[in-house]
N, C-alpha and C. Protein backbone atom coordinates (compact mmCIF):
# COMPACT_ATOMS: atom_id res chain seq x y z
N UNK A 1 102.79 87.55 55.41
CA UNK A 1 104.05 87.69 56.10
C UNK A 1 104.45 89.16 56.20
N UNK A 2 105.12 89.46 57.28
CA UNK A 2 105.54 90.83 57.52
C UNK A 2 106.92 91.04 56.91
N UNK A 3 107.08 92.16 56.21
CA UNK A 3 108.37 92.47 55.63
C UNK A 3 109.34 92.99 56.68
N UNK A 4 110.57 93.21 56.24
CA UNK A 4 111.59 93.70 57.16
C UNK A 4 111.22 95.05 57.78
N UNK A 5 110.68 95.94 56.97
CA UNK A 5 110.30 97.25 57.48
C UNK A 5 109.19 97.13 58.53
N UNK A 6 108.20 96.30 58.25
CA UNK A 6 107.11 96.10 59.20
C UNK A 6 107.62 95.51 60.51
N UNK A 7 108.54 94.57 60.42
CA UNK A 7 109.11 93.96 61.63
C UNK A 7 109.92 94.99 62.41
N UNK A 8 110.67 95.82 61.71
CA UNK A 8 111.46 96.85 62.39
C UNK A 8 110.56 97.85 63.10
N UNK A 9 109.46 98.23 62.44
CA UNK A 9 108.52 99.17 63.06
C UNK A 9 107.89 98.52 64.28
N UNK A 10 107.51 97.27 64.18
CA UNK A 10 106.91 96.56 65.30
C UNK A 10 107.88 96.49 66.49
N UNK A 11 109.13 96.20 66.24
CA UNK A 11 110.14 96.15 67.31
C UNK A 11 110.33 97.54 67.92
N UNK A 12 110.38 98.58 67.09
CA UNK A 12 110.56 99.94 67.60
C UNK A 12 109.39 100.35 68.48
N UNK A 13 108.18 100.03 68.06
CA UNK A 13 106.99 100.35 68.86
C UNK A 13 107.04 99.58 70.17
N UNK A 14 107.40 98.32 70.12
CA UNK A 14 107.50 97.52 71.35
C UNK A 14 108.52 98.11 72.31
N UNK A 15 109.67 98.53 71.80
CA UNK A 15 110.71 99.12 72.65
C UNK A 15 110.21 100.41 73.29
N UNK A 16 109.49 101.22 72.54
CA UNK A 16 108.96 102.47 73.11
C UNK A 16 107.88 102.21 74.13
N UNK A 17 107.00 101.27 73.86
CA UNK A 17 105.91 100.97 74.79
C UNK A 17 106.45 100.40 76.09
N UNK A 18 107.43 99.53 76.01
CA UNK A 18 107.98 98.91 77.22
C UNK A 18 108.97 99.81 77.93
N UNK A 19 109.42 100.87 77.27
CA UNK A 19 110.39 101.77 77.88
C UNK A 19 111.82 101.31 77.69
N UNK A 20 112.03 100.16 77.07
CA UNK A 20 113.39 99.65 76.92
C UNK A 20 114.20 100.44 75.91
N UNK A 21 113.53 101.03 74.95
CA UNK A 21 114.25 101.78 73.93
C UNK A 21 114.27 103.26 74.18
N UNK A 22 113.59 103.73 75.20
CA UNK A 22 113.46 105.17 75.36
C UNK A 22 114.52 105.78 76.25
N UNK A 23 115.08 105.04 77.18
CA UNK A 23 116.02 105.62 78.12
C UNK A 23 115.27 106.54 79.07
N UNK A 24 115.97 107.08 80.04
CA UNK A 24 115.33 107.93 81.05
C UNK A 24 114.94 109.29 80.49
N UNK A 25 115.64 109.80 79.51
CA UNK A 25 115.45 111.18 79.12
C UNK A 25 114.59 111.37 77.88
N UNK A 26 114.02 110.31 77.30
CA UNK A 26 113.35 110.45 76.02
C UNK A 26 111.84 110.37 76.09
N UNK A 27 111.23 110.54 77.21
CA UNK A 27 109.78 110.55 77.31
C UNK A 27 109.28 111.93 76.96
N UNK A 28 108.01 112.02 76.50
CA UNK A 28 107.44 113.35 76.27
C UNK A 28 107.20 114.02 77.62
N UNK A 29 106.88 115.30 77.59
CA UNK A 29 106.74 116.08 78.83
C UNK A 29 105.69 115.49 79.76
N UNK A 30 104.57 115.08 79.21
CA UNK A 30 103.52 114.51 80.05
C UNK A 30 103.96 113.19 80.66
N UNK A 31 104.65 112.37 79.90
CA UNK A 31 105.17 111.10 80.41
C UNK A 31 106.22 111.32 81.49
N UNK A 32 107.06 112.34 81.31
CA UNK A 32 108.09 112.67 82.30
C UNK A 32 107.44 113.11 83.60
N UNK A 33 106.40 113.94 83.50
CA UNK A 33 105.71 114.42 84.70
C UNK A 33 105.08 113.26 85.45
N UNK A 34 104.46 112.35 84.73
CA UNK A 34 103.82 111.19 85.36
C UNK A 34 104.87 110.30 86.02
N UNK A 35 105.98 110.10 85.34
CA UNK A 35 107.05 109.27 85.90
C UNK A 35 107.63 109.92 87.15
N UNK A 36 107.85 111.24 87.11
CA UNK A 36 108.37 111.95 88.27
C UNK A 36 107.37 111.92 89.43
N UNK A 37 106.09 112.01 89.13
CA UNK A 37 105.07 111.93 90.19
C UNK A 37 105.08 110.55 90.84
N UNK A 38 105.26 109.52 90.04
CA UNK A 38 105.37 108.17 90.58
C UNK A 38 106.62 108.07 91.46
N UNK A 39 107.71 108.67 91.02
CA UNK A 39 108.94 108.67 91.80
C UNK A 39 108.80 109.43 93.11
N UNK A 40 108.07 110.53 93.08
CA UNK A 40 107.84 111.30 94.31
C UNK A 40 107.08 110.43 95.32
N UNK A 41 106.10 109.69 94.84
CA UNK A 41 105.34 108.80 95.72
C UNK A 41 106.24 107.69 96.27
N UNK A 42 107.11 107.16 95.43
CA UNK A 42 108.05 106.13 95.88
C UNK A 42 109.01 106.68 96.93
N UNK A 43 109.43 107.93 96.77
CA UNK A 43 110.31 108.56 97.74
C UNK A 43 109.67 108.51 99.13
N UNK A 44 108.37 108.75 99.18
CA UNK A 44 107.64 108.70 100.44
C UNK A 44 107.40 107.25 100.87
N UNK A 45 106.88 106.44 99.95
CA UNK A 45 106.52 105.06 100.28
C UNK A 45 107.71 104.22 100.75
N UNK A 46 108.86 104.45 100.15
CA UNK A 46 110.06 103.67 100.50
C UNK A 46 110.81 104.26 101.69
N UNK A 47 110.34 105.40 102.19
CA UNK A 47 110.95 106.00 103.38
C UNK A 47 112.28 106.68 103.14
N UNK A 48 112.54 107.13 101.92
CA UNK A 48 113.81 107.78 101.60
C UNK A 48 114.06 109.00 102.47
N UNK A 49 112.99 109.69 102.84
CA UNK A 49 113.09 110.89 103.69
C UNK A 49 113.62 110.56 105.09
N UNK A 50 113.65 109.29 105.46
CA UNK A 50 114.16 108.89 106.76
C UNK A 50 115.66 109.09 106.88
N UNK A 51 116.35 109.15 105.75
CA UNK A 51 117.80 109.39 105.75
C UNK A 51 118.19 110.62 104.95
N UNK A 52 117.45 110.89 103.89
CA UNK A 52 117.81 111.97 102.96
C UNK A 52 116.93 113.19 103.15
N UNK A 53 117.47 114.32 102.75
CA UNK A 53 116.68 115.54 102.68
C UNK A 53 116.57 115.97 101.23
N UNK A 54 115.54 116.73 100.98
CA UNK A 54 115.40 117.48 99.73
C UNK A 54 115.09 118.89 100.22
N UNK A 55 116.11 119.71 100.23
CA UNK A 55 115.95 121.03 100.83
C UNK A 55 115.83 120.87 102.34
N UNK A 56 114.79 121.46 102.91
CA UNK A 56 114.59 121.42 104.37
C UNK A 56 113.79 120.20 104.81
N UNK A 57 113.20 119.46 103.88
CA UNK A 57 112.35 118.32 104.23
C UNK A 57 113.17 117.04 104.32
N UNK A 58 112.94 116.25 105.35
CA UNK A 58 113.61 114.97 105.52
C UNK A 58 114.56 114.97 106.69
N UNK A 59 115.35 113.90 106.78
CA UNK A 59 116.30 113.71 107.89
C UNK A 59 117.71 113.81 107.34
N UNK A 60 118.54 114.69 107.89
CA UNK A 60 119.87 114.92 107.32
C UNK A 60 120.94 113.91 107.77
N UNK A 61 120.64 112.62 107.61
CA UNK A 61 121.64 111.59 107.91
C UNK A 61 122.52 111.37 106.67
N UNK A 62 121.87 111.26 105.53
CA UNK A 62 122.54 111.03 104.26
C UNK A 62 122.50 112.33 103.44
N UNK A 63 123.14 112.35 102.29
CA UNK A 63 123.22 113.59 101.51
C UNK A 63 121.85 114.15 101.10
N UNK A 64 121.81 115.48 100.96
CA UNK A 64 120.66 116.15 100.38
C UNK A 64 120.62 115.73 98.91
N UNK A 65 119.49 115.23 98.48
CA UNK A 65 119.41 114.65 97.14
C UNK A 65 119.42 115.70 96.03
N UNK A 66 119.23 116.95 96.36
CA UNK A 66 119.39 117.98 95.32
C UNK A 66 120.84 118.04 94.86
N UNK A 67 121.77 117.74 95.74
CA UNK A 67 123.18 117.71 95.35
C UNK A 67 123.47 116.50 94.45
N UNK A 68 122.80 115.40 94.71
CA UNK A 68 123.02 114.18 93.91
C UNK A 68 122.63 114.41 92.46
N UNK A 69 121.51 115.08 92.23
CA UNK A 69 121.08 115.27 90.85
C UNK A 69 121.96 116.28 90.12
N UNK A 70 122.66 117.10 90.87
CA UNK A 70 123.59 118.03 90.23
C UNK A 70 124.87 117.32 89.80
N UNK A 71 125.19 116.20 90.45
CA UNK A 71 126.45 115.49 90.17
C UNK A 71 126.29 114.27 89.27
N UNK A 72 125.10 113.66 89.25
CA UNK A 72 124.92 112.40 88.52
C UNK A 72 123.81 112.52 87.49
N UNK A 73 123.96 111.80 86.40
CA UNK A 73 122.92 111.78 85.38
C UNK A 73 121.74 110.95 85.90
N UNK A 74 120.62 111.14 85.26
CA UNK A 74 119.42 110.38 85.64
C UNK A 74 119.63 108.88 85.48
N UNK A 75 120.31 108.49 84.44
CA UNK A 75 120.57 107.06 84.23
C UNK A 75 121.49 106.50 85.30
N UNK A 76 122.49 107.28 85.71
CA UNK A 76 123.37 106.84 86.79
C UNK A 76 122.60 106.71 88.09
N UNK A 77 121.72 107.67 88.37
CA UNK A 77 120.89 107.59 89.57
C UNK A 77 120.01 106.34 89.56
N UNK A 78 119.43 106.03 88.41
CA UNK A 78 118.58 104.83 88.30
C UNK A 78 119.40 103.57 88.58
N UNK A 79 120.62 103.49 88.04
CA UNK A 79 121.49 102.34 88.31
C UNK A 79 121.82 102.26 89.79
N UNK A 80 122.13 103.40 90.38
CA UNK A 80 122.48 103.47 91.80
C UNK A 80 121.30 102.99 92.64
N UNK A 81 120.12 103.47 92.34
CA UNK A 81 118.93 103.12 93.11
C UNK A 81 118.60 101.64 92.99
N UNK A 82 118.86 101.07 91.84
CA UNK A 82 118.54 99.65 91.60
C UNK A 82 119.44 98.75 92.44
N UNK A 83 120.73 99.11 92.57
CA UNK A 83 121.68 98.28 93.32
C UNK A 83 122.80 99.16 93.87
N UNK A 84 122.55 99.82 95.01
CA UNK A 84 123.54 100.77 95.55
C UNK A 84 124.91 100.17 95.82
N UNK A 85 124.98 98.97 96.35
CA UNK A 85 126.28 98.37 96.69
C UNK A 85 127.12 98.09 95.45
N UNK A 86 126.48 97.81 94.34
CA UNK A 86 127.23 97.56 93.11
C UNK A 86 127.86 98.85 92.59
N UNK A 87 127.27 99.99 92.91
CA UNK A 87 127.79 101.27 92.44
C UNK A 87 128.90 101.79 93.36
N UNK A 88 128.69 101.65 94.66
CA UNK A 88 129.68 102.12 95.63
C UNK A 88 129.54 101.30 96.91
N UNK A 89 130.31 100.22 97.01
CA UNK A 89 130.17 99.27 98.12
C UNK A 89 130.38 99.86 99.51
N UNK A 90 131.10 100.96 99.64
CA UNK A 90 131.39 101.51 100.96
C UNK A 90 130.27 102.38 101.51
N UNK A 91 129.29 102.70 100.69
CA UNK A 91 128.16 103.51 101.16
C UNK A 91 127.23 102.67 102.01
N UNK A 92 126.49 103.33 102.86
CA UNK A 92 125.57 102.62 103.76
C UNK A 92 124.14 102.59 103.26
N UNK A 93 123.91 102.92 102.01
CA UNK A 93 122.55 102.93 101.49
C UNK A 93 122.05 101.50 101.33
N UNK A 94 120.88 101.22 101.88
CA UNK A 94 120.34 99.86 101.74
C UNK A 94 119.81 99.61 100.34
N UNK A 95 119.76 98.36 99.95
CA UNK A 95 119.13 97.99 98.70
C UNK A 95 117.63 97.92 98.96
N UNK A 96 116.88 98.80 98.32
CA UNK A 96 115.44 98.89 98.53
C UNK A 96 114.66 97.89 97.69
N UNK A 97 115.36 97.04 96.96
CA UNK A 97 114.72 96.03 96.11
C UNK A 97 113.76 96.67 95.11
N UNK A 98 114.19 97.77 94.51
CA UNK A 98 113.37 98.46 93.53
C UNK A 98 113.39 97.72 92.21
N UNK A 99 112.25 97.69 91.55
CA UNK A 99 112.23 97.15 90.19
C UNK A 99 112.91 98.17 89.28
N UNK A 100 113.19 97.77 88.07
CA UNK A 100 113.80 98.68 87.11
C UNK A 100 112.89 99.89 86.88
N UNK A 101 111.59 99.66 86.77
CA UNK A 101 110.64 100.75 86.56
C UNK A 101 110.59 101.69 87.76
N UNK A 102 110.63 101.14 88.96
CA UNK A 102 110.63 101.98 90.16
C UNK A 102 111.90 102.81 90.25
N UNK A 103 113.04 102.21 89.94
CA UNK A 103 114.30 102.94 89.97
C UNK A 103 114.29 104.08 88.95
N UNK A 104 113.74 103.82 87.75
CA UNK A 104 113.64 104.87 86.74
C UNK A 104 112.72 105.99 87.20
N UNK A 105 111.60 105.62 87.83
CA UNK A 105 110.65 106.64 88.30
C UNK A 105 111.28 107.50 89.40
N UNK A 106 111.94 106.87 90.33
CA UNK A 106 112.58 107.61 91.42
C UNK A 106 113.70 108.50 90.87
N UNK A 107 114.46 108.01 89.92
CA UNK A 107 115.51 108.82 89.29
C UNK A 107 114.89 109.99 88.53
N UNK A 108 113.76 109.78 87.87
CA UNK A 108 113.08 110.87 87.16
C UNK A 108 112.62 111.94 88.14
N UNK A 109 112.12 111.52 89.29
CA UNK A 109 111.72 112.49 90.32
C UNK A 109 112.92 113.29 90.78
N UNK A 110 114.01 112.62 91.09
CA UNK A 110 115.21 113.32 91.55
C UNK A 110 115.72 114.28 90.47
N UNK A 111 115.69 113.83 89.21
CA UNK A 111 116.13 114.69 88.11
C UNK A 111 115.22 115.91 87.96
N UNK A 112 113.97 115.77 88.31
CA UNK A 112 113.03 116.90 88.19
C UNK A 112 113.34 117.98 89.21
N UNK A 113 114.17 117.69 90.19
CA UNK A 113 114.51 118.67 91.22
C UNK A 113 115.55 119.68 90.74
N UNK A 114 116.12 119.44 89.59
CA UNK A 114 117.17 120.34 89.04
C UNK A 114 116.61 121.71 88.78
């Protein structure tokens, strides 16, 4: 039988492996880079550039996303990306049906623009 300490360690490892216990900002540098790279690909794959700009790249219909990362935390961005209408119902951003992992990756990419 596993003791309390062993069970606690097992739960902590599971939380870290699944990302549930780490939050957006607690990955190591290599993990952050990989997550941001995945988010950059999602930015392209999901067509975010069709409405948003990042600097001079993209279509200036919606806000430049460099301004968004200056105003919102990475966790707030991930929540926003997961369900935009729940965050601000009057905005015209569509729900991209992102998974939690995709929203975190895209938020990590946006946060990397700081």
